[in-house]
């Protein structure tokens, strides 16, 4: 079921491609923001004398980038089954 906030203004369900595009947009927005803040944290941690959290931040960065790539792939495929 498509959440009400994902439905077009006229109340119709629209195509699955439109729903996927909308969902990808809604996922990318907070992810992009999170990646930006993470880059700041990584930069600060690398400048510390004892970057004890660097490995953990790098792991989070890798996973967030993996999620971003999955969203991009979903958007490109338009949700079509392979």
C-alpha atoms as a PDB file:
ATOM      1  CA  UNK A   1       0.000   0.000   0.000  1.00  0.00           C
ATOM      2  CA  UNK A   2       1.308   3.439  -0.906  1.00  0.00           C
ATOM      3  CA  UNK A   3       1.341   5.869   2.035  1.00  0.00           C
ATOM      4  CA  UNK A   4      -1.015   8.842   1.551  1.00  0.00           C
ATOM      5  CA  UNK A   5       1.935  11.238   1.346  1.00  0.00           C
ATOM      6  CA  UNK A   6       3.187   9.341  -1.721  1.00  0.00           C
ATOM      7  CA  UNK A   7      -0.037   9.650  -3.690  1.00  0.00           C
ATOM      8  CA  UNK A   8      -0.445  12.252  -6.426  1.00  0.00           C
ATOM      9  CA  UNK A   9      -2.504  15.341  -5.552  1.00  0.00           C
ATOM     10  CA  UNK A  10      -5.528  14.029  -7.454  1.00  0.00           C
ATOM     11  CA  UNK A  11      -5.694  10.962  -5.162  1.00  0.00           C
ATOM     12  CA  UNK A  12      -4.895   8.398  -7.839  1.00  0.00           C
ATOM     13  CA  UNK A  13      -2.218   5.828  -7.197  1.00  0.00           C
ATOM     14  CA  UNK A  14      -0.204   6.840 -10.275  1.00  0.00           C
ATOM     15  CA  UNK A  15       2.313   4.594 -11.914  1.00  0.00           C
ATOM     16  CA  UNK A  16       4.816   2.523 -10.007  1.00  0.00           C
ATOM     17  CA  UNK A  17       7.615   4.468 -11.719  1.00  0.00           C
ATOM     18  CA  UNK A  18       6.286   7.712 -10.246  1.00  0.00           C
ATOM     19  CA  UNK A  19       6.017   6.129  -6.814  1.00  0.00           C
ATOM     20  CA  UNK A  20       9.558   4.786  -7.031  1.00  0.00           C
ATOM     21  CA  UNK A  21      10.881   8.162  -8.182  1.00  0.00           C
ATOM     22  CA  UNK A  22       9.115   9.868  -5.294  1.00  0.00           C
ATOM     23  CA  UNK A  23      10.380   7.300  -2.791  1.00  0.00           C
ATOM     24  CA  UNK A  24      13.940   7.642  -4.084  1.00  0.00           C
ATOM     25  CA  UNK A  25      13.720  11.407  -3.707  1.00  0.00           C
ATOM     26  CA  UNK A  26      12.380  11.092  -0.157  1.00  0.00           C
ATOM     27  CA  UNK A  27      15.206   8.679   0.752  1.00  0.00           C
ATOM     28  CA  UNK A  28      17.972  10.700  -0.892  1.00  0.00           C
ATOM     29  CA  UNK A  29      17.157  13.953   0.894  1.00  0.00           C
ATOM     30  CA  UNK A  30      17.974  12.870   4.477  1.00  0.00           C
ATOM     31  CA  UNK A  31      20.739  10.551   3.258  1.00  0.00           C
ATOM     32  CA  UNK A  32      22.502  13.401   1.458  1.00  0.00           C
ATOM     33  CA  UNK A  33      22.237  15.561   4.561  1.00  0.00           C
ATOM     34  CA  UNK A  34      23.604  12.759   6.725  1.00  0.00           C
ATOM     35  CA  UNK A  35      26.502  12.182   4.344  1.00  0.00           C
ATOM     36  CA  UNK A  36      27.382  15.875   4.503  1.00  0.00           C
ATOM     37  CA  UNK A  37      27.469  15.894   8.293  1.00  0.00           C
ATOM     38  CA  UNK A  38      29.433  12.644   8.263  1.00  0.00           C
ATOM     39  CA  UNK A  39      32.042  14.187   5.964  1.00  0.00           C
ATOM     40  CA  UNK A  40      32.458  17.026   8.471  1.00  0.00           C
ATOM     41  CA  UNK A  41      32.859  14.552  11.311  1.00  0.00           C
ATOM     42  CA  UNK A  42      35.398  12.533   9.307  1.00  0.00           C
ATOM     43  CA  UNK A  43      37.409  15.656   8.511  1.00  0.00           C
ATOM     44  CA  UNK A  44      37.449  16.693  12.174  1.00  0.00           C
ATOM     45  CA  UNK A  45      38.363  13.194  13.340  1.00  0.00           C
ATOM     46  CA  UNK A  46      41.257  12.989  10.849  1.00  0.00           C
ATOM     47  CA  UNK A  47      42.652  16.252  12.240  1.00  0.00           C
ATOM     48  CA  UNK A  48      42.659  14.985  15.821  1.00  0.00           C
ATOM     49  CA  UNK A  49      45.884  13.841  17.383  1.00  0.00           C
ATOM     50  CA  UNK A  50      44.253  10.522  18.345  1.00  0.00           C
ATOM     51  CA  UNK A  51      41.551   9.713  15.755  1.00  0.00           C
ATOM     52  CA  UNK A  52      40.044   6.885  17.830  1.00  0.00           C
ATOM     53  CA  UNK A  53      36.647   7.007  16.114  1.00  0.00           C
ATOM     54  CA  UNK A  54      37.957   7.248  12.557  1.00  0.00           C
ATOM     55  CA  UNK A  55      37.428   3.564  11.746  1.00  0.00           C
ATOM     56  CA  UNK A  56      33.832   3.641  12.984  1.00  0.00           C
ATOM     57  CA  UNK A  57      33.035   6.806  11.021  1.00  0.00           C
ATOM     58  CA  UNK A  58      34.596   5.311   7.885  1.00  0.00           C
ATOM     59  CA  UNK A  59      32.427   2.199   8.289  1.00  0.00           C
ATOM     60  CA  UNK A  60      29.289   4.355   8.573  1.00  0.00           C
ATOM     61  CA  UNK A  61      30.384   6.362   5.521  1.00  0.00           C
ATOM     62  CA  UNK A  62      30.865   3.187   3.467  1.00  0.00           C
ATOM     63  CA  UNK A  63      27.438   1.849   4.422  1.00  0.00           C
ATOM     64  CA  UNK A  64      25.686   5.161   3.731  1.00  0.00           C
ATOM     65  CA  UNK A  65      27.354   5.317   0.309  1.00  0.00           C
ATOM     66  CA  UNK A  66      26.238   1.734  -0.329  1.00  0.00           C
ATOM     67  CA  UNK A  67      22.645   2.706   0.479  1.00  0.00           C
ATOM     68  CA  UNK A  68      22.964   5.737  -1.794  1.00  0.00           C
ATOM     69  CA  UNK A  69      24.163   3.506  -4.648  1.00  0.00           C
ATOM     70  CA  UNK A  70      21.217   1.155  -4.072  1.00  0.00           C
ATOM     71  CA  UNK A  71      18.777   4.084  -4.255  1.00  0.00           C
ATOM     72  CA  UNK A  72      20.440   5.278  -7.459  1.00  0.00           C
ATOM     73  CA  UNK A  73      20.149   1.801  -8.974  1.00  0.00           C
ATOM     74  CA  UNK A  74      16.483   1.595  -7.982  1.00  0.00           C
ATOM     75  CA  UNK A  75      15.836   4.986  -9.572  1.00  0.00           C
ATOM     76  CA  UNK A  76      17.625   3.953 -12.786  1.00  0.00           C
ATOM     77  CA  UNK A  77      15.801   0.650 -13.040  1.00  0.00           C
ATOM     78  CA  UNK A  78      12.451   2.283 -12.360  1.00  0.00           C
ATOM     79  CA  UNK A  79      11.566  -0.669 -10.204  1.00  0.00           C
ATOM     80  CA  UNK A  80      11.455  -3.079 -13.123  1.00  0.00           C
ATOM     81  CA  UNK A  81      12.123  -6.697 -12.296  1.00  0.00           C
ATOM     82  CA  UNK A  82      15.269  -8.140 -13.846  1.00  0.00           C
END
